[in-house]
Protein backbone atom coordinates (compact mmCIF):
# COMPACT_ATOMS: atom_id res chain seq x y z
CA MET A 1 -40.70 -24.10 4.00
CA THR A 2 -37.49 -26.05 4.48
CA HIS A 3 -37.86 -29.82 4.86
CA GLY A 4 -35.49 -31.77 7.07
CA ASN A 5 -34.68 -34.22 4.32
CA ALA A 6 -34.09 -31.59 1.63
CA PRO A 7 -30.73 -32.11 -0.12
CA ALA A 8 -27.99 -29.73 0.90
CA ALA A 9 -27.12 -27.07 -1.63
CA THR A 10 -23.98 -27.76 -3.63
CA PRO A 11 -21.24 -25.37 -2.45
CA ARG A 12 -19.88 -22.92 -4.97
CA SER A 13 -16.71 -23.98 -6.72
CA THR A 14 -13.65 -21.92 -7.65
CA LEU A 15 -10.97 -23.21 -10.03
CA VAL A 16 -7.53 -21.58 -10.06
CA VAL A 17 -5.24 -22.41 -12.99
CA THR A 18 -1.69 -21.41 -12.16
CA ALA A 19 1.62 -21.84 -13.95
CA HIS A 20 3.88 -22.29 -10.93
CA ALA A 21 3.71 -23.45 -7.33
CA GLY A 22 3.81 -19.94 -5.85
CA ASP A 23 1.61 -18.00 -8.27
CA PHE A 24 -1.73 -18.82 -6.67
CA VAL A 25 -0.52 -17.56 -3.29
CA TRP A 26 0.98 -14.23 -4.35
CA ARG A 27 -1.70 -13.29 -6.84
CA ALA A 28 -4.94 -14.82 -5.56
CA GLY A 29 -4.33 -16.09 -2.03
CA GLY A 30 -6.85 -13.62 -0.61
CA ALA A 31 -9.57 -14.58 -3.09
CA ILE A 32 -8.93 -18.26 -2.35
CA ALA A 33 -9.05 -17.76 1.41
CA LEU A 34 -12.25 -15.71 1.18
CA ALA A 35 -13.98 -18.38 -0.90
CA ALA A 36 -12.86 -21.13 1.46
CA SER A 37 -14.00 -19.13 4.49
CA ARG A 38 -17.51 -19.10 2.99
CA GLY A 39 -17.52 -22.87 2.70
CA GLU A 40 -16.82 -22.90 -1.03
CA LYS A 41 -14.69 -25.56 -2.68
CA VAL A 42 -11.46 -24.22 -4.16
CA THR A 43 -9.33 -26.33 -6.48
CA ILE A 44 -5.89 -25.22 -7.68
CA ALA A 45 -4.59 -26.71 -10.92
CA CYS A 46 -0.84 -26.15 -10.54
CA LEU A 47 0.76 -26.85 -13.90
CA THR A 48 4.42 -26.85 -12.75
CA PHE A 49 6.42 -26.64 -9.57
CA GLY A 50 8.39 -23.64 -10.81
CA GLU A 51 11.42 -25.83 -10.36
CA ARG A 52 13.66 -24.30 -13.04
CA GLY A 53 12.70 -20.67 -13.25
CA GLU A 54 11.35 -19.78 -9.81
CA SER A 55 13.61 -21.66 -7.41
CA ALA A 56 16.93 -19.82 -7.71
CA LYS A 57 17.68 -20.10 -4.00
CA ALA A 58 17.55 -23.91 -4.09
CA TRP A 59 19.73 -24.10 -7.21
CA ARG A 60 22.36 -21.85 -5.58
CA GLU A 61 22.36 -24.17 -2.58
CA GLY A 62 23.38 -27.01 -4.91
CA LYS A 63 20.11 -28.94 -4.86
CA LYS A 64 19.15 -31.19 -7.78
CA LEU A 65 16.04 -31.00 -9.94
CA GLU A 66 14.02 -33.70 -8.18
CA GLU A 67 14.94 -32.30 -4.78
CA ILE A 68 13.73 -28.87 -5.85
CA LYS A 69 10.47 -30.28 -7.16
CA ALA A 70 9.88 -32.00 -3.83
CA ILE A 71 10.61 -28.78 -1.93
CA ARG A 72 8.27 -26.69 -4.08
CA ARG A 73 5.53 -29.32 -3.93
CA GLU A 74 5.68 -29.43 -0.14
CA GLU A 75 5.61 -25.63 0.08
CA ALA A 76 2.61 -25.41 -2.25
CA GLU A 77 0.73 -28.12 -0.37
CA ARG A 78 1.21 -26.30 2.93
CA ALA A 79 0.22 -22.96 1.39
CA ALA A 80 -2.93 -24.42 -0.19
CA ALA A 81 -3.87 -26.05 3.12
CA ALA A 82 -3.39 -22.74 4.93
CA LEU A 83 -5.76 -21.08 2.44
CA GLY A 84 -8.31 -23.90 2.67
CA ALA A 85 -7.87 -25.19 -0.88
CA GLU A 86 -7.05 -28.45 -2.66
CA VAL A 87 -4.08 -28.41 -5.02
CA ARG A 88 -3.57 -30.76 -7.97
CA PHE A 89 -0.11 -30.93 -9.52
CA PHE A 90 0.42 -31.52 -13.24
CA ASP A 91 4.25 -31.56 -13.21
CA ALA A 92 4.32 -30.28 -16.79
CA GLY A 93 7.77 -28.68 -16.54
CA ASP A 94 8.51 -24.95 -16.48
CA TYR A 95 10.84 -22.62 -18.38
CA PRO A 96 9.32 -23.30 -20.75
CA LEU A 97 5.80 -24.46 -19.95
CA THR A 98 4.65 -25.87 -23.27
CA ALA A 99 0.97 -26.05 -24.14
CA THR A 100 0.09 -29.53 -25.43
CA PRO A 101 -3.19 -31.25 -26.33
CA GLU A 102 -2.57 -33.77 -23.55
CA LEU A 103 -2.16 -31.05 -20.94
CA THR A 104 -5.27 -29.26 -22.16
CA ASP A 105 -7.21 -32.55 -21.98
CA ARG A 106 -6.18 -32.94 -18.35
CA LEU A 107 -7.42 -29.44 -17.64
CA VAL A 108 -10.74 -30.23 -19.32
CA GLU A 109 -11.10 -33.15 -16.92
CA VAL A 110 -10.51 -30.84 -13.96
CA TYR A 111 -13.08 -28.33 -15.25
CA ARG A 112 -15.68 -31.04 -15.62
CA ALA A 113 -14.85 -32.63 -12.27
CA THR A 114 -14.98 -29.36 -10.32
CA GLN A 115 -17.81 -27.60 -12.24
CA PRO A 116 -16.43 -24.16 -11.36
CA ASP A 117 -18.61 -21.12 -10.74
CA VAL A 118 -15.52 -18.89 -11.01
CA VAL A 119 -12.14 -19.33 -12.72
CA LEU A 120 -8.97 -17.47 -11.75
CA THR A 121 -5.87 -17.51 -13.94
CA HIS A 122 -3.03 -15.47 -15.42
CA PRO A 123 -3.62 -12.59 -17.86
CA VAL A 124 -2.86 -12.93 -21.55
CA GLU A 125 0.37 -10.91 -21.48
CA ASP A 126 3.58 -11.22 -19.51
CA PRO A 127 6.77 -10.28 -21.39
CA TYR A 128 8.90 -11.42 -18.45
CA ASN A 129 7.58 -14.96 -18.09
CA GLY A 130 6.23 -16.97 -21.02
CA ASP A 131 4.87 -19.67 -18.72
CA HIS A 132 2.11 -17.34 -17.51
CA PRO A 133 0.59 -16.63 -20.96
CA ALA A 134 0.91 -20.36 -21.75
CA ALA A 135 -1.13 -21.18 -18.64
CA ASN A 136 -3.68 -18.55 -19.66
CA ARG A 137 -4.11 -20.03 -23.14
CA MET A 138 -4.63 -23.54 -21.81
CA ALA A 139 -7.00 -22.36 -19.07
CA LEU A 140 -9.21 -20.52 -21.56
CA GLU A 141 -9.10 -23.25 -24.20
CA ALA A 142 -9.95 -25.95 -21.68
CA ARG A 143 -12.86 -23.85 -20.38
CA VAL A 144 -14.36 -23.72 -23.87
CA LEU A 145 -13.71 -27.39 -24.64
CA ALA A 146 -15.22 -28.46 -21.32
CA GLN A 147 -18.49 -26.81 -22.46
CA ALA A 148 -18.67 -28.81 -25.69
CA ILE A 149 -20.96 -31.82 -25.38
CA GLY A 150 -19.17 -33.58 -28.24
CA TYR A 151 -15.70 -33.17 -26.77
CA PRO A 152 -14.48 -36.52 -25.42
CA GLY A 153 -13.67 -36.96 -21.79
CA GLU A 154 -15.03 -37.85 -18.41
CA GLY A 155 -17.64 -35.83 -16.56
CA GLU A 156 -20.54 -33.53 -17.32
CA ILE A 157 -20.12 -30.47 -19.50
CA ILE A 158 -19.80 -27.14 -17.70
CA GLY A 159 -21.51 -23.80 -18.14
CA ALA A 160 -19.61 -20.61 -18.87
CA PRO A 161 -18.02 -19.61 -15.56
CA PRO A 162 -16.75 -16.02 -15.34
CA VAL A 163 -12.99 -15.67 -15.58
CA PHE A 164 -10.87 -13.28 -13.54
CA TYR A 165 -7.23 -12.58 -14.37
CA PHE A 166 -5.11 -12.07 -11.28
CA GLU A 167 -2.42 -9.41 -11.15
CA PRO A 168 0.99 -10.19 -12.70
CA HIS A 169 4.26 -9.24 -11.06
CA GLN A 170 4.84 -6.42 -13.57
CA PRO A 171 1.30 -5.13 -14.23
CA GLU A 172 2.29 -2.02 -16.17
CA MET A 173 4.26 -4.11 -18.67
CA SER A 174 1.58 -6.78 -19.00
CA GLY A 175 -1.41 -4.71 -20.09
CA PHE A 176 -3.06 -5.24 -16.71
CA ARG A 177 -5.81 -2.91 -15.46
CA PRO A 178 -7.17 -3.26 -11.91
CA GLU A 179 -10.81 -3.51 -12.98
CA VAL A 180 -11.95 -5.44 -9.91
CA LEU A 181 -10.61 -4.69 -6.42
CA LEU A 182 -11.34 -7.42 -3.89
CA ASP A 183 -11.28 -6.57 -0.18
CA ILE A 184 -9.21 -9.31 1.50
CA THR A 185 -8.70 -7.55 4.83
CA GLU A 186 -10.53 -10.20 6.86
CA VAL A 187 -8.33 -12.99 5.47
CA TRP A 188 -5.08 -11.06 5.12
CA GLU A 189 -3.36 -12.90 7.97
CA THR A 190 -4.33 -16.20 6.32
CA LYS A 191 -2.78 -15.08 3.04
CA ARG A 192 0.37 -13.89 4.80
CA LYS A 193 0.66 -17.26 6.56
CA ALA A 194 0.39 -19.00 3.18
CA MET A 195 3.01 -16.68 1.70
CA GLU A 196 5.39 -17.60 4.49
CA CYS A 197 5.08 -21.25 3.48
CA LEU A 198 7.00 -20.34 0.32
CA ALA A 199 10.51 -20.10 1.72
CA ALA A 200 12.00 -20.65 -1.74
CA GLN A 201 10.69 -17.20 -2.72
CA GLN A 202 11.03 -15.33 0.55
CA HIS A 203 12.14 -12.23 -1.33
CA LEU A 204 8.54 -11.78 -2.49
CA TRP A 205 6.87 -11.74 0.94
CA ASP A 206 7.24 -8.00 1.49
CA TYR A 207 6.59 -7.11 -2.15
CA TYR A 208 3.14 -8.73 -2.13
CA THR A 209 2.37 -7.33 1.31
CA ASP A 210 3.08 -3.82 0.01
CA LEU A 211 1.02 -4.52 -3.12
CA ALA A 212 -1.98 -5.54 -0.99
CA VAL A 213 -1.68 -2.25 0.91
CA ARG A 214 -1.57 -0.22 -2.32
CA ARG A 215 -4.55 -2.01 -3.81
CA GLY A 216 -6.36 -1.51 -0.50
CA VAL A 217 -5.81 2.25 -0.78
CA GLN A 218 -7.28 2.16 -4.29
CA LEU A 219 -10.24 0.11 -3.06
CA LYS A 220 -11.07 2.65 -0.36
CA ARG A 221 -10.74 5.55 -2.80
CA ASN A 222 -13.08 3.91 -5.30
CA ALA A 223 -15.58 2.76 -2.69
CA GLY A 224 -16.20 6.30 -1.47
CA PRO A 225 -16.14 7.75 2.04
CA ASN A 226 -17.84 6.61 5.23
CA LEU A 227 -18.43 3.00 4.26
CA GLY A 228 -16.93 1.62 7.44
CA LEU A 229 -13.94 0.04 5.74
CA ALA A 230 -11.05 -0.96 7.96
CA HIS A 231 -8.46 1.77 8.42
CA LYS A 232 -5.88 -0.46 6.77
CA THR A 233 -7.65 -2.21 3.96
CA MET A 234 -5.86 -4.99 2.06
CA ALA A 235 -6.93 -5.90 -1.46
CA GLU A 236 -6.18 -7.90 -4.60
CA ALA A 237 -6.75 -6.72 -8.16
CA PHE A 238 -8.30 -8.62 -11.06
CA MET A 239 -9.28 -8.12 -14.71
CA ARG A 240 -12.26 -9.59 -16.54
CA PRO A 241 -11.75 -10.82 -20.13
CA TYR A 242 -15.45 -11.53 -20.71
CA PRO A 243 -18.50 -9.29 -20.21
CA GLN A 244 -20.15 -9.20 -16.82
CA ILE A 245 -23.70 -10.53 -16.90
CA ALA A 246 -26.14 -8.47 -14.80
CA ARG A 247 -29.82 -7.70 -14.30
CA GLU A 248 -29.01 -4.24 -13.00
CA LEU A 249 -26.02 -1.93 -13.03
CA ALA A 250 -24.13 -1.98 -9.76
């Protein structure tokens, strides 16, 4: 029996730890939009604006550092809003993004404040962009520290939320295997709208559209025939660094 005064269930929480302002859109925009569409809370911890290494167009136009930061911040805010997520900016500086105890402490605070059920972040390897592995290291370290009852900081300790690595730009060179294929067909237009908020990296719009098509083909092939999947299925790929916990194999 459900009582009228029963407390509402706490919505699930997803935490995305991303190195640059655009990463969460290209790599996990579909996962974010799906979670938000189910009423889940999604928080993006954006460590840098990608102002030095991922804003070439603005630099060529003669813009200054603070102008570029403002542009990338505004783009990321609009993209996050389009996906249904909250974004928190750390402004830690990119190229290089340097892991520091202070930055990790701030991430611990976010873990404890958001109490995530799922964590999305970069994979361990990326020989083309050292900021991505740096974000990975801090995301994983902060996840462990946030579980430690003796670790100082605000908020309640967390459990051990599963971690999913989203796909890097050069997967073959980054040791990435598409172990999990997520069907994002129903929110594809939402992801594309968020991508189009990132005018500073317009050259990536078509690349990540094509990637979603390719991963969708793989999803259909691995799901088997006659499952009623959309003719044009769009998907995102993820890896899992920790074992999956299950009561049955599925």
